[in-house]
Amino acid sequence: MKFIITLFKDEDGIYIAECPSIPGCVSQGKTEKEAESNIQNAIKECLEVRAEKGMPLTISTRQVEVKV
């Protein structure tokens, strides 16, 4: 499966990675590469837990346009 992730550097210099289509699926790392690797592991674990609990594996995500 392929997932979109978000990746940003927080105020402490740690990279935070999130998977928007899996609620609560977040990880971090000292580098972008480490955060990306960690979120891949977190996604696997989140999917396993959601499957065990009979929850939908993902939720819908959409793009919307906002005029600024």
PDB file of N, CA and C in Angstrom:
ATOM      1  N   MET A   1       0.843  -1.179   0.000  1.00  0.00           N
ATOM      2  CA  MET A   1       0.000   0.000   0.000  1.00  0.00           C
ATOM      3  C   MET A   1       0.890   1.245   0.000  1.00  0.00           C
ATOM      4  N   LYS A   2       0.404   2.293  -0.617  1.00  0.00           N
ATOM      5  CA  LYS A   2       1.110   3.571  -0.639  1.00  0.00           C
ATOM      6  C   LYS A   2       0.306   4.594   0.152  1.00  0.00           C
ATOM      7  N   PHE A   3       1.020   5.411   0.919  1.00  0.00           N
ATOM      8  CA  PHE A   3       0.381   6.427   1.736  1.00  0.00           C
ATOM      9  C   PHE A   3       1.080   7.761   1.555  1.00  0.00           C
ATOM     10  N   ILE A   4       0.315   8.830   1.630  1.00  0.00           N
ATOM     11  CA  ILE A   4       0.854  10.185   1.668  1.00  0.00           C
ATOM     12  C   ILE A   4       1.238  10.456   3.120  1.00  0.00           C
ATOM     13  N   ILE A   5       2.393  11.079   3.324  1.00  0.00           N
ATOM     14  CA  ILE A   5       2.782  11.503   4.665  1.00  0.00           C
ATOM     15  C   ILE A   5       3.084  12.986   4.646  1.00  0.00           C
ATOM     16  N   THR A   6       3.001  13.603   5.804  1.00  0.00           N
ATOM     17  CA  THR A   6       3.469  14.972   5.955  1.00  0.00           C
ATOM     18  C   THR A   6       4.747  14.913   6.779  1.00  0.00           C
ATOM     19  N   LEU A   7       5.639  15.843   6.526  1.00  0.00           N
ATOM     20  CA  LEU A   7       6.930  15.860   7.196  1.00  0.00           C
ATOM     21  C   LEU A   7       7.307  17.310   7.453  1.00  0.00           C
ATOM     22  N   PHE A   8       7.586  17.636   8.717  1.00  0.00           N
ATOM     23  CA  PHE A   8       8.004  18.996   9.033  1.00  0.00           C
ATOM     24  C   PHE A   8       8.974  18.989  10.202  1.00  0.00           C
ATOM     25  N   LYS A   9       9.725  20.052  10.315  1.00  0.00           N
ATOM     26  CA  LYS A   9      10.699  20.208  11.391  1.00  0.00           C
ATOM     27  C   LYS A   9      10.068  21.068  12.485  1.00  0.00           C
ATOM     28  N   ASP A  10      10.049  20.553  13.728  1.00  0.00           N
ATOM     29  CA  ASP A  10       9.429  21.316  14.803  1.00  0.00           C
ATOM     30  C   ASP A  10      10.407  22.328  15.401  1.00  0.00           C
ATOM     31  N   GLU A  11       9.943  23.058  16.410  1.00  0.00           N
ATOM     32  CA  GLU A  11      10.757  24.131  16.995  1.00  0.00           C
ATOM     33  C   GLU A  11      12.014  23.620  17.708  1.00  0.00           C
ATOM     34  N   ASP A  12      12.051  22.316  18.022  1.00  0.00           N
ATOM     35  CA  ASP A  12      13.226  21.718  18.657  1.00  0.00           C
ATOM     36  C   ASP A  12      14.181  21.072  17.650  1.00  0.00           C
ATOM     37  N   GLY A  13      13.850  21.173  16.362  1.00  0.00           N
ATOM     38  CA  GLY A  13      14.706  20.622  15.319  1.00  0.00           C
ATOM     39  C   GLY A  13      14.457  19.158  15.014  1.00  0.00           C
ATOM     40  N   ILE A  14      13.400  18.598  15.592  1.00  0.00           N
ATOM     41  CA  ILE A  14      13.034  17.199  15.345  1.00  0.00           C
ATOM     42  C   ILE A  14      12.075  17.158  14.160  1.00  0.00           C
ATOM     43  N   TYR A  15      12.237  16.169  13.287  1.00  0.00           N
ATOM     44  CA  TYR A  15      11.339  15.996  12.147  1.00  0.00           C
ATOM     45  C   TYR A  15      10.139  15.156  12.577  1.00  0.00           C
ATOM     46  N   ILE A  16       8.966  15.676  12.312  1.00  0.00           N
ATOM     47  CA  ILE A  16       7.715  15.005  12.650  1.00  0.00           C
ATOM     48  C   ILE A  16       7.086  14.495  11.360  1.00  0.00           C
ATOM     49  N   ALA A  17       6.695  13.227  11.358  1.00  0.00           N
ATOM     50  CA  ALA A  17       6.045  12.619  10.195  1.00  0.00           C
ATOM     51  C   ALA A  17       4.668  12.131  10.620  1.00  0.00           C
ATOM     52  N   GLU A  18       3.674  12.397   9.780  1.00  0.00           N
ATOM     53  CA  GLU A  18       2.308  11.968  10.056  1.00  0.00           C
ATOM     54  C   GLU A  18       1.708  11.334   8.810  1.00  0.00           C
ATOM     55  N   CYS A  19       0.777  10.429   9.019  1.00  0.00           N
ATOM     56  CA  CYS A  19       0.030   9.826   7.923  1.00  0.00           C
ATOM     57  C   CYS A  19      -1.422  10.271   8.077  1.00  0.00           C
ATOM     58  N   PRO A  20      -1.846  11.278   7.324  1.00  0.00           N
ATOM     59  CA  PRO A  20      -3.186  11.840   7.495  1.00  0.00           C
ATOM     60  C   PRO A  20      -4.338  10.851   7.306  1.00  0.00           C
ATOM     61  N   SER A  21      -4.134   9.808   6.527  1.00  0.00           N
ATOM     62  CA  SER A  21      -5.242   8.874   6.282  1.00  0.00           C
ATOM     63  C   SER A  21      -5.383   7.822   7.380  1.00  0.00           C
ATOM     64  N   ILE A  22      -4.475   7.841   8.385  1.00  0.00           N
ATOM     65  CA  ILE A  22      -4.591   6.940   9.532  1.00  0.00           C
ATOM     66  C   ILE A  22      -4.556   7.811  10.785  1.00  0.00           C
ATOM     67  N   PRO A  23      -5.714   8.069  11.399  1.00  0.00           N
ATOM     68  CA  PRO A  23      -5.760   8.949  12.568  1.00  0.00           C
ATOM     69  C   PRO A  23      -4.789   8.506  13.667  1.00  0.00           C
ATOM     70  N   GLY A  24      -4.018   9.468  14.175  1.00  0.00           N
ATOM     71  CA  GLY A  24      -3.100   9.200  15.266  1.00  0.00           C
ATOM     72  C   GLY A  24      -1.783   8.564  14.870  1.00  0.00           C
ATOM     73  N   CYS A  25      -1.565   8.354  13.594  1.00  0.00           N
ATOM     74  CA  CYS A  25      -0.334   7.708  13.132  1.00  0.00           C
ATOM     75  C   CYS A  25       0.738   8.776  12.920  1.00  0.00           C
ATOM     76  N   VAL A  26       1.609   8.902  13.927  1.00  0.00           N
ATOM     77  CA  VAL A  26       2.627   9.943  13.954  1.00  0.00           C
ATOM     78  C   VAL A  26       3.942   9.329  14.411  1.00  0.00           C
ATOM     79  N   SER A  27       5.046   9.836  13.896  1.00  0.00           N
ATOM     80  CA  SER A  27       6.363   9.411  14.352  1.00  0.00           C
ATOM     81  C   SER A  27       7.312  10.589  14.223  1.00  0.00           C
ATOM     82  N   GLN A  28       8.574  10.364  14.558  1.00  0.00           N
ATOM     83  CA  GLN A  28       9.552  11.447  14.491  1.00  0.00           C
ATOM     84  C   GLN A  28      10.936  10.885  14.242  1.00  0.00           C
ATOM     85  N   GLY A  29      11.879  11.777  14.004  1.00  0.00           N
ATOM     86  CA  GLY A  29      13.269  11.378  13.811  1.00  0.00           C
ATOM     87  C   GLY A  29      14.177  12.587  13.851  1.00  0.00           C
ATOM     88  N   LYS A  30      15.460  12.340  14.025  1.00  0.00           N
ATOM     89  CA  LYS A  30      16.439  13.427  14.060  1.00  0.00           C
ATOM     90  C   LYS A  30      16.707  13.977  12.672  1.00  0.00           C
ATOM     91  N   THR A  31      16.466  13.152  11.634  1.00  0.00           N
ATOM     92  CA  THR A  31      16.638  13.573  10.241  1.00  0.00           C
ATOM     93  C   THR A  31      15.354  13.247   9.480  1.00  0.00           C
ATOM     94  N   GLU A  32      15.214  13.836   8.294  1.00  0.00           N
ATOM     95  CA  GLU A  32      14.049  13.517   7.461  1.00  0.00           C
ATOM     96  C   GLU A  32      14.023  12.023   7.142  1.00  0.00           C
ATOM     97  N   LYS A  33      15.191  11.470   6.812  1.00  0.00           N
ATOM     98  CA  LYS A  33      15.279  10.059   6.456  1.00  0.00           C
ATOM     99  C   LYS A  33      14.854   9.169   7.629  1.00  0.00           C
ATOM    100  N   GLU A  34      15.301   9.507   8.825  1.00  0.00           N
ATOM    101  CA  GLU A  34      14.938   8.725  10.009  1.00  0.00           C
ATOM    102  C   GLU A  34      13.439   8.832  10.287  1.00  0.00           C
ATOM    103  N   ALA A  35      12.886  10.034  10.172  1.00  0.00           N
ATOM    104  CA  ALA A  35      11.452  10.224  10.402  1.00  0.00           C
ATOM    105  C   ALA A  35      10.634   9.445   9.373  1.00  0.00           C
ATOM    106  N   GLU A  36      11.072   9.438   8.120  1.00  0.00           N
ATOM    107  CA  GLU A  36      10.363   8.697   7.081  1.00  0.00           C
ATOM    108  C   GLU A  36      10.412   7.196   7.354  1.00  0.00           C
ATOM    109  N   SER A  37      11.556   6.702   7.759  1.00  0.00           N
ATOM    110  CA  SER A  37      11.682   5.281   8.098  1.00  0.00           C
ATOM    111  C   SER A  37      10.792   4.933   9.294  1.00  0.00           C
ATOM    112  N   ASN A  38      10.791   5.810  10.294  1.00  0.00           N
ATOM    113  CA  ASN A  38       9.985   5.565  11.491  1.00  0.00           C
ATOM    114  C   ASN A  38       8.497   5.592  11.193  1.00  0.00           C
ATOM    115  N   ILE A  39       8.044   6.489  10.306  1.00  0.00           N
ATOM    116  CA  ILE A  39       6.614   6.535   9.996  1.00  0.00           C
ATOM    117  C   ILE A  39       6.197   5.302   9.206  1.00  0.00           C
ATOM    118  N   GLN A  40       7.098   4.748   8.412  1.00  0.00           N
ATOM    119  CA  GLN A  40       6.765   3.503   7.709  1.00  0.00           C
ATOM    120  C   GLN A  40       6.477   2.393   8.715  1.00  0.00           C
ATOM    121  N   ASN A  41       7.293   2.299   9.747  1.00  0.00           N
ATOM    122  CA  ASN A  41       7.057   1.304  10.797  1.00  0.00           C
ATOM    123  C   ASN A  41       5.773   1.608  11.558  1.00  0.00           C
ATOM    124  N   ALA A  42       5.544   2.879  11.858  1.00  0.00           N
ATOM    125  CA  ALA A  42       4.329   3.266  12.575  1.00  0.00           C
ATOM    126  C   ALA A  42       3.086   2.944  11.760  1.00  0.00           C
ATOM    127  N   ILE A  43       3.132   3.152  10.445  1.00  0.00           N
ATOM    128  CA  ILE A  43       1.991   2.841   9.587  1.00  0.00           C
ATOM    129  C   ILE A  43       1.680   1.354   9.665  1.00  0.00           C
ATOM    130  N   LYS A  44       2.698   0.510   9.573  1.00  0.00           N
ATOM    131  CA  LYS A  44       2.480  -0.939   9.664  1.00  0.00           C
ATOM    132  C   LYS A  44       1.818  -1.304  10.986  1.00  0.00           C
ATOM    133  N   GLU A  45       2.336  -0.750  12.079  1.00  0.00           N
ATOM    134  CA  GLU A  45       1.783  -1.053  13.394  1.00  0.00           C
ATOM    135  C   GLU A  45       0.359  -0.527  13.548  1.00  0.00           C
ATOM    136  N   CYS A  46       0.103   0.675  13.069  1.00  0.00           N
ATOM    137  CA  CYS A  46      -1.245   1.244  13.155  1.00  0.00           C
ATOM    138  C   CYS A  46      -2.243   0.396  12.368  1.00  0.00           C
ATOM    139  N   LEU A  47      -1.845  -0.051  11.182  1.00  0.00           N
ATOM    140  CA  LEU A  47      -2.735  -0.880  10.369  1.00  0.00           C
ATOM    141  C   LEU A  47      -3.031  -2.200  11.070  1.00  0.00           C
ATOM    142  N   GLU A  48      -2.021  -2.792  11.707  1.00  0.00           N
ATOM    143  CA  GLU A  48      -2.228  -4.051  12.428  1.00  0.00           C
ATOM    144  C   GLU A  48      -3.216  -3.863  13.576  1.00  0.00           C
ATOM    145  N   VAL A  49      -3.047  -2.812  14.358  1.00  0.00           N
ATOM    146  CA  VAL A  49      -3.930  -2.548  15.492  1.00  0.00           C
ATOM    147  C   VAL A  49      -5.355  -2.279  15.017  1.00  0.00           C
ATOM    148  N   ARG A  50      -5.491  -1.468  13.967  1.00  0.00           N
ATOM    149  CA  ARG A  50      -6.835  -1.155  13.460  1.00  0.00           C
ATOM    150  C   ARG A  50      -7.514  -2.417  12.938  1.00  0.00           C
ATOM    151  N   ALA A  51      -6.756  -3.296  12.278  1.00  0.00           N
ATOM    152  CA  ALA A  51      -7.326  -4.548  11.770  1.00  0.00           C
ATOM    153  C   ALA A  51      -7.760  -5.445  12.929  1.00  0.00           C
ATOM    154  N   GLU A  52      -6.931  -5.555  13.965  1.00  0.00           N
ATOM    155  CA  GLU A  52      -7.263  -6.375  15.126  1.00  0.00           C
ATOM    156  C   GLU A  52      -8.534  -5.900  15.820  1.00  0.00           C
ATOM    157  N   LYS A  53      -8.731  -4.576  15.846  1.00  0.00           N
ATOM    158  CA  LYS A  53      -9.905  -4.001  16.514  1.00  0.00           C
ATOM    159  C   LYS A  53     -11.117  -3.921  15.598  1.00  0.00           C
ATOM    160  N   GLY A  54     -10.965  -4.358  14.357  1.00  0.00           N
ATOM    161  CA  GLY A  54     -12.076  -4.314  13.410  1.00  0.00           C
ATOM    162  C   GLY A  54     -12.410  -2.916  12.926  1.00  0.00           C
ATOM    163  N   MET A  55     -11.456  -2.019  13.037  1.00  0.00           N
ATOM    164  CA  MET A  55     -11.655  -0.638  12.592  1.00  0.00           C
ATOM    165  C   MET A  55     -11.304  -0.518  11.119  1.00  0.00           C
ATOM    166  N   PRO A  56     -11.878   0.459  10.427  1.00  0.00           N
ATOM    167  CA  PRO A  56     -11.438   0.704   9.050  1.00  0.00           C
ATOM    168  C   PRO A  56      -9.943   1.019   9.053  1.00  0.00           C
ATOM    169  N   LEU A  57      -9.220   0.523   8.066  1.00  0.00           N
ATOM    170  CA  LEU A  57      -7.776   0.740   8.040  1.00  0.00           C
ATOM    171  C   LEU A  57      -7.413   2.200   7.843  1.00  0.00           C
ATOM    172  N   THR A  58      -8.175   2.901   7.031  1.00  0.00           N
ATOM    173  CA  THR A  58      -7.878   4.302   6.743  1.00  0.00           C
ATOM    174  C   THR A  58      -9.164   5.113   6.761  1.00  0.00           C
ATOM    175  N   ILE A  59      -9.011   6.421   6.727  1.00  0.00           N
ATOM    176  CA  ILE A  59     -10.148   7.318   6.561  1.00  0.00           C
ATOM    177  C   ILE A  59      -9.965   8.071   5.251  1.00  0.00           C
ATOM    178  N   SER A  60     -11.020   8.687   4.784  1.00  0.00           N
ATOM    179  CA  SER A  60     -10.939   9.452   3.538  1.00  0.00           C
ATOM    180  C   SER A  60     -10.184  10.755   3.755  1.00  0.00           C
ATOM    181  N   THR A  61      -9.364  11.102   2.800  1.00  0.00           N
ATOM    182  CA  THR A  61      -8.704  12.399   2.789  1.00  0.00           C
ATOM    183  C   THR A  61      -9.025  13.063   1.450  1.00  0.00           C
ATOM    184  N   ARG A  62      -9.085  14.368   1.467  1.00  0.00           N
ATOM    185  CA  ARG A  62      -9.400  15.116   0.246  1.00  0.00           C
ATOM    186  C   ARG A  62      -8.573  16.382   0.193  1.00  0.00           C
ATOM    187  N   GLN A  63      -8.438  16.891  -1.007  1.00  0.00           N
ATOM    188  CA  GLN A  63      -7.837  18.198  -1.199  1.00  0.00           C
ATOM    189  C   GLN A  63      -8.970  19.181  -1.386  1.00  0.00           C
ATOM    190  N   VAL A  64      -8.837  20.348  -0.774  1.00  0.00           N
ATOM    191  CA  VAL A  64      -9.791  21.419  -1.005  1.00  0.00           C
ATOM    192  C   VAL A  64      -9.010  22.667  -1.394  1.00  0.00           C
ATOM    193  N   GLU A  65      -9.674  23.523  -2.126  1.00  0.00           N
ATOM    194  CA  GLU A  65      -9.038  24.771  -2.530  1.00  0.00           C
ATOM    195  C   GLU A  65      -9.528  25.878  -1.622  1.00  0.00           C
ATOM    196  N   VAL A  66      -8.604  26.659  -1.113  1.00  0.00           N
ATOM    197  CA  VAL A  66      -8.921  27.778  -0.254  1.00  0.00           C
ATOM    198  C   VAL A  66      -8.286  29.030  -0.851  1.00  0.00           C
ATOM    199  N   LYS A  67      -9.095  30.020  -1.135  1.00  0.00           N
ATOM    200  CA  LYS A  67      -8.567  31.263  -1.693  1.00  0.00           C
ATOM    201  C   LYS A  67      -8.020  32.113  -0.556  1.00  0.00           C
ATOM    202  N   VAL A  68      -6.789  32.574  -0.753  1.00  0.00           N
ATOM    203  CA  VAL A  68      -6.133  33.389   0.275  1.00  0.00           C
ATOM    204  C   VAL A  68      -5.806  34.750  -0.301  1.00  0.00           C
TER     205      VAL A  68
END
